[in-house]
Amino acid sequence: MRSIYISAGHSNKKGRDRGAVGNGYIEGDLTAEFRNLLFKELSKLGNTPIVDEDNTILSETLTKFRNMTSSNSIVLDIHWNAATPKATGTETLIPTEYTKFEYNLAKDLSNTVSNVLGIPIRGVNGVKKESESHHGRLGWMRLNGENVLMEVCFITNE
């Protein structure tokens, strides 16, 4: 069985990297809540993921996971997107040089979120390469393992 590593992407502690804000929500609070729910469900299925702590920021999580992950690990970073109030949809980012597993996992994550929330998928099949992201290159994609960064939906859209 593959090991799974999950990051909330942002901290839910005041004074730390809280992420985007919209519609009365703070990204760090939502990502931590979602990470904890995912941890609980995966544990019920017999695969207990390794997760970051609520008060950690991305650079701390990267340092922690860098020494733990292997090429067979699944490494998931959770985020909420932000833009104009009308922006909508879900997408999952993968490395520019991706594996078939990363692409299929990203596609499945985006399709599941789209179906559950009733929102469109963004990009081709809900998948975008990190080179298509705002930053162009993402530290998350440098971890050893099968890497995906899920943008659940837009925090700025009601």
C-alpha atoms as a PDB file:
ATOM      1  CA  MET A   1       0.000   0.000   0.000  1.00  0.00           C
ATOM      2  CA  ARG A   2       1.280   3.474  -0.862  1.00  0.00           C
ATOM      3  CA  SER A   3       1.985   6.008   1.877  1.00  0.00           C
ATOM      4  CA  ILE A   4      -0.088   9.154   1.613  1.00  0.00           C
ATOM      5  CA  TYR A   5       1.091  12.598   2.736  1.00  0.00           C
ATOM      6  CA  ILE A   6      -1.423  15.427   3.006  1.00  0.00           C
ATOM      7  CA  SER A   7      -0.777  19.116   3.594  1.00  0.00           C
ATOM      8  CA  ALA A   8      -3.398  21.714   4.462  1.00  0.00           C
ATOM      9  CA  GLY A   9      -1.403  24.131   2.315  1.00  0.00           C
ATOM     10  CA  HIS A  10      -1.846  27.024   4.743  1.00  0.00           C
ATOM     11  CA  SER A  11      -1.908  27.493   8.486  1.00  0.00           C
ATOM     12  CA  ASN A  12      -5.100  27.960  10.459  1.00  0.00           C
ATOM     13  CA  LYS A  13      -3.247  29.840  13.230  1.00  0.00           C
ATOM     14  CA  LYS A  14      -3.333  33.634  13.469  1.00  0.00           C
ATOM     15  CA  GLY A  15      -0.084  35.278  12.460  1.00  0.00           C
ATOM     16  CA  ARG A  16       0.929  32.424  10.153  1.00  0.00           C
ATOM     17  CA  ASP A  17       0.360  32.016   6.382  1.00  0.00           C
ATOM     18  CA  ARG A  18      -3.449  31.912   6.387  1.00  0.00           C
ATOM     19  CA  GLY A  19      -3.959  31.937   2.599  1.00  0.00           C
ATOM     20  CA  ALA A  20      -6.798  33.594   0.718  1.00  0.00           C
ATOM     21  CA  VAL A  21      -9.896  35.137   2.296  1.00  0.00           C
ATOM     22  CA  GLY A  22     -13.384  35.331   0.819  1.00  0.00           C
ATOM     23  CA  ASN A  23     -17.047  35.257   1.765  1.00  0.00           C
ATOM     24  CA  GLY A  24     -16.241  35.141   5.473  1.00  0.00           C
ATOM     25  CA  TYR A  25     -13.870  32.168   5.119  1.00  0.00           C
ATOM     26  CA  ILE A  26     -10.103  31.868   5.556  1.00  0.00           C
ATOM     27  CA  GLU A  27      -8.320  29.374   3.317  1.00  0.00           C
ATOM     28  CA  GLY A  28      -6.126  28.035   6.126  1.00  0.00           C
ATOM     29  CA  ASP A  29      -9.195  27.123   8.175  1.00  0.00           C
ATOM     30  CA  LEU A  30     -10.873  25.362   5.248  1.00  0.00           C
ATOM     31  CA  THR A  31      -7.772  23.458   4.171  1.00  0.00           C
ATOM     32  CA  ALA A  32      -7.108  22.208   7.714  1.00  0.00           C
ATOM     33  CA  GLU A  33     -10.731  21.129   8.090  1.00  0.00           C
ATOM     34  CA  PHE A  34     -10.709  19.325   4.732  1.00  0.00           C
ATOM     35  CA  ARG A  35      -7.342  17.662   5.479  1.00  0.00           C
ATOM     36  CA  ASN A  36      -8.702  16.366   8.787  1.00  0.00           C
ATOM     37  CA  LEU A  37     -11.862  14.986   7.147  1.00  0.00           C
ATOM     38  CA  LEU A  38      -9.788  13.294   4.450  1.00  0.00           C
ATOM     39  CA  PHE A  39      -7.461  11.845   7.106  1.00  0.00           C
ATOM     40  CA  LYS A  40     -10.458  10.393   8.951  1.00  0.00           C
ATOM     41  CA  GLU A  41     -11.964   8.813   5.818  1.00  0.00           C
ATOM     42  CA  LEU A  42      -8.677   7.345   4.561  1.00  0.00           C
ATOM     43  CA  SER A  43      -7.976   5.939   8.035  1.00  0.00           C
ATOM     44  CA  LYS A  44     -11.355   4.153   7.964  1.00  0.00           C
ATOM     45  CA  LEU A  45     -10.225   2.544   4.698  1.00  0.00           C
ATOM     46  CA  GLY A  46      -7.033   1.271   6.338  1.00  0.00           C
ATOM     47  CA  ASN A  47      -4.525   3.819   5.055  1.00  0.00           C
ATOM     48  CA  THR A  48      -3.585   6.336   7.734  1.00  0.00           C
ATOM     49  CA  PRO A  49      -1.991   9.327   5.988  1.00  0.00           C
ATOM     50  CA  ILE A  50       0.822  11.430   7.377  1.00  0.00           C
ATOM     51  CA  VAL A  51      -0.310  15.039   7.710  1.00  0.00           C
ATOM     52  CA  ASP A  52       1.150  18.400   8.579  1.00  0.00           C
ATOM     53  CA  GLU A  53       0.201  20.262  11.741  1.00  0.00           C
ATOM     54  CA  ASP A  54      -2.333  23.087  11.811  1.00  0.00           C
ATOM     55  CA  ASN A  55       0.204  25.783  12.664  1.00  0.00           C
ATOM     56  CA  THR A  56       2.793  24.887  10.022  1.00  0.00           C
ATOM     57  CA  ILE A  57       3.392  26.884   6.873  1.00  0.00           C
ATOM     58  CA  LEU A  58       4.296  25.418   3.499  1.00  0.00           C
ATOM     59  CA  SER A  59       8.079  25.717   3.874  1.00  0.00           C
ATOM     60  CA  GLU A  60       7.928  23.812   7.178  1.00  0.00           C
ATOM     61  CA  THR A  61       5.755  21.085   5.683  1.00  0.00           C
ATOM     62  CA  LEU A  62       8.085  20.755   2.692  1.00  0.00           C
ATOM     63  CA  THR A  63      11.062  20.325   5.021  1.00  0.00           C
ATOM     64  CA  LYS A  64       9.230  17.722   7.116  1.00  0.00           C
ATOM     65  CA  PHE A  65       7.926  15.705   4.164  1.00  0.00           C
ATOM     66  CA  ARG A  66      11.169  15.933   2.147  1.00  0.00           C
ATOM     67  CA  ASN A  67      12.846  13.513   4.553  1.00  0.00           C
ATOM     68  CA  MET A  68       9.881  11.125   4.691  1.00  0.00           C
ATOM     69  CA  THR A  69       8.464  10.645   1.186  1.00  0.00           C
ATOM     70  CA  SER A  70       9.598   8.061  -1.345  1.00  0.00           C
ATOM     71  CA  SER A  71       9.006   7.616  -5.061  1.00  0.00           C
ATOM     72  CA  ASN A  72       5.954   5.461  -4.251  1.00  0.00           C
ATOM     73  CA  SER A  73       4.332   8.074  -1.960  1.00  0.00           C
ATOM     74  CA  ILE A  74       1.198  10.003  -2.847  1.00  0.00           C
ATOM     75  CA  VAL A  75       1.742  13.640  -1.881  1.00  0.00           C
ATOM     76  CA  LEU A  76      -1.332  15.923  -1.796  1.00  0.00           C
ATOM     77  CA  ASP A  77      -1.447  19.660  -1.078  1.00  0.00           C
ATOM     78  CA  ILE A  78      -4.911  21.198  -0.534  1.00  0.00           C
ATOM     79  CA  HIS A  79      -5.834  24.782  -1.473  1.00  0.00           C
ATOM     80  CA  TRP A  80      -8.756  27.050  -2.304  1.00  0.00           C
ATOM     81  CA  ASN A  81      -8.412  29.298  -5.348  1.00  0.00           C
ATOM     82  CA  ALA A  82      -9.071  33.062  -5.297  1.00  0.00           C
ATOM     83  CA  ALA A  83      -9.994  35.501  -8.063  1.00  0.00           C
ATOM     84  CA  THR A  84     -13.031  37.573  -8.982  1.00  0.00           C
ATOM     85  CA  PRO A  85     -16.414  36.746  -7.393  1.00  0.00           C
ATOM     86  CA  LYS A  86     -17.608  35.119 -10.621  1.00  0.00           C
ATOM     87  CA  ALA A  87     -14.616  32.775 -11.011  1.00  0.00           C
ATOM     88  CA  THR A  88     -15.615  29.168 -10.417  1.00  0.00           C
ATOM     89  CA  GLY A  89     -14.466  25.605 -10.854  1.00  0.00           C
ATOM     90  CA  THR A  90     -11.963  23.100  -9.556  1.00  0.00           C
ATOM     91  CA  GLU A  91      -8.573  22.027 -10.827  1.00  0.00           C
ATOM     92  CA  THR A  92      -5.658  19.913  -9.717  1.00  0.00           C
ATOM     93  CA  LEU A  93      -2.079  20.766 -10.573  1.00  0.00           C
ATOM     94  CA  ILE A  94       0.631  18.264 -11.431  1.00  0.00           C
ATOM     95  CA  PRO A  95       4.354  18.615 -12.141  1.00  0.00           C
ATOM     96  CA  THR A  96       5.358  19.886 -15.573  1.00  0.00           C
ATOM     97  CA  GLU A  97       7.074  16.513 -16.075  1.00  0.00           C
ATOM     98  CA  TYR A  98       4.300  14.294 -14.730  1.00  0.00           C
ATOM     99  CA  THR A  99       3.623  10.571 -14.514  1.00  0.00           C
ATOM    100  CA  LYS A 100       0.514   8.826 -15.794  1.00  0.00           C
ATOM    101  CA  PHE A 101      -0.442   8.158 -12.156  1.00  0.00           C
ATOM    102  CA  GLU A 102      -0.208  11.886 -11.277  1.00  0.00           C
ATOM    103  CA  TYR A 103      -2.340  12.841 -14.277  1.00  0.00           C
ATOM    104  CA  ASN A 104      -5.016  10.237 -13.514  1.00  0.00           C
ATOM    105  CA  LEU A 105      -5.093  11.082  -9.805  1.00  0.00           C
ATOM    106  CA  ALA A 106      -5.464  14.796 -10.608  1.00  0.00           C
ATOM    107  CA  LYS A 107      -8.238  14.068 -13.114  1.00  0.00           C
ATOM    108  CA  ASP A 108     -10.083  11.863 -10.607  1.00  0.00           C
ATOM    109  CA  LEU A 109      -9.773  14.430  -7.792  1.00  0.00           C
ATOM    110  CA  SER A 110     -11.087  17.240  -9.998  1.00  0.00           C
ATOM    111  CA  ASN A 111     -13.950  15.147 -11.352  1.00  0.00           C
ATOM    112  CA  THR A 112     -14.981  14.083  -7.857  1.00  0.00           C
ATOM    113  CA  VAL A 113     -14.969  17.650  -6.517  1.00  0.00           C
ATOM    114  CA  SER A 114     -16.844  18.846  -9.606  1.00  0.00           C
ATOM    115  CA  ASN A 115     -19.528  16.196  -9.162  1.00  0.00           C
ATOM    116  CA  VAL A 116     -19.921  16.697  -5.402  1.00  0.00           C
ATOM    117  CA  LEU A 117     -20.002  20.515  -5.504  1.00  0.00           C
ATOM    118  CA  GLY A 118     -21.740  20.860  -8.870  1.00  0.00           C
ATOM    119  CA  ILE A 119     -19.029  23.152 -10.256  1.00  0.00           C
ATOM    120  CA  PRO A 120     -17.132  22.978 -13.561  1.00  0.00           C
ATOM    121  CA  ILE A 121     -13.684  21.534 -13.982  1.00  0.00           C
ATOM    122  CA  ARG A 122     -10.970  23.904 -15.166  1.00  0.00           C
ATOM    123  CA  GLY A 123      -8.290  23.025 -17.674  1.00  0.00           C
ATOM    124  CA  VAL A 124      -8.282  19.831 -19.691  1.00  0.00           C
ATOM    125  CA  ASN A 125     -10.008  17.167 -17.567  1.00  0.00           C
ATOM    126  CA  GLY A 126      -9.539  19.379 -14.496  1.00  0.00           C
ATOM    127  CA  VAL A 127      -5.757  18.998 -14.741  1.00  0.00           C
ATOM    128  CA  LYS A 128      -3.169  21.746 -15.133  1.00  0.00           C
ATOM    129  CA  LYS A 129       0.597  21.510 -15.174  1.00  0.00           C
ATOM    130  CA  GLU A 130       2.441  23.591 -12.605  1.00  0.00           C
ATOM    131  CA  SER A 131       3.895  25.606 -15.513  1.00  0.00           C
ATOM    132  CA  GLU A 132       0.328  26.834 -16.130  1.00  0.00           C
ATOM    133  CA  SER A 133      -0.019  28.053 -12.540  1.00  0.00           C
ATOM    134  CA  HIS A 134       0.327  31.636 -11.369  1.00  0.00           C
ATOM    135  CA  HIS A 135       3.850  30.893 -10.074  1.00  0.00           C
ATOM    136  CA  GLY A 136       5.015  28.690 -12.943  1.00  0.00           C
ATOM    137  CA  ARG A 137       7.000  26.430 -10.632  1.00  0.00           C
ATOM    138  CA  LEU A 138       5.769  25.009  -7.339  1.00  0.00           C
ATOM    139  CA  GLY A 139       7.921  23.803  -4.445  1.00  0.00           C
ATOM    140  CA  TRP A 140       5.341  21.108  -3.729  1.00  0.00           C
ATOM    141  CA  MET A 141       6.176  19.420  -7.028  1.00  0.00           C
ATOM    142  CA  ARG A 142       9.806  18.945  -5.948  1.00  0.00           C
ATOM    143  CA  LEU A 143       8.962  16.394  -3.244  1.00  0.00           C
ATOM    144  CA  ASN A 144       9.811  12.768  -3.879  1.00  0.00           C
ATOM    145  CA  GLY A 145       6.624  10.918  -4.841  1.00  0.00           C
ATOM    146  CA  GLU A 146       3.504  11.304  -6.953  1.00  0.00           C
ATOM    147  CA  ASN A 147       2.602  14.981  -6.462  1.00  0.00           C
ATOM    148  CA  VAL A 148      -0.725  16.784  -6.838  1.00  0.00           C
ATOM    149  CA  LEU A 149      -1.962  20.169  -5.641  1.00  0.00           C
ATOM    150  CA  MET A 150      -5.739  20.388  -5.484  1.00  0.00           C
ATOM    151  CA  GLU A 151      -7.543  23.739  -5.820  1.00  0.00           C
ATOM    152  CA  VAL A 152     -10.903  22.664  -4.389  1.00  0.00           C
ATOM    153  CA  CYS A 153     -12.887  25.710  -5.540  1.00  0.00           C
ATOM    154  CA  PHE A 154     -12.836  29.522  -5.399  1.00  0.00           C
ATOM    155  CA  ILE A 155     -13.084  30.977  -1.903  1.00  0.00           C
ATOM    156  CA  THR A 156     -14.062  34.269  -3.579  1.00  0.00           C
ATOM    157  CA  ASN A 157     -17.176  32.754  -5.191  1.00  0.00           C
ATOM    158  CA  GLU A 158     -20.295  32.481  -3.032  1.00  0.00           C
END
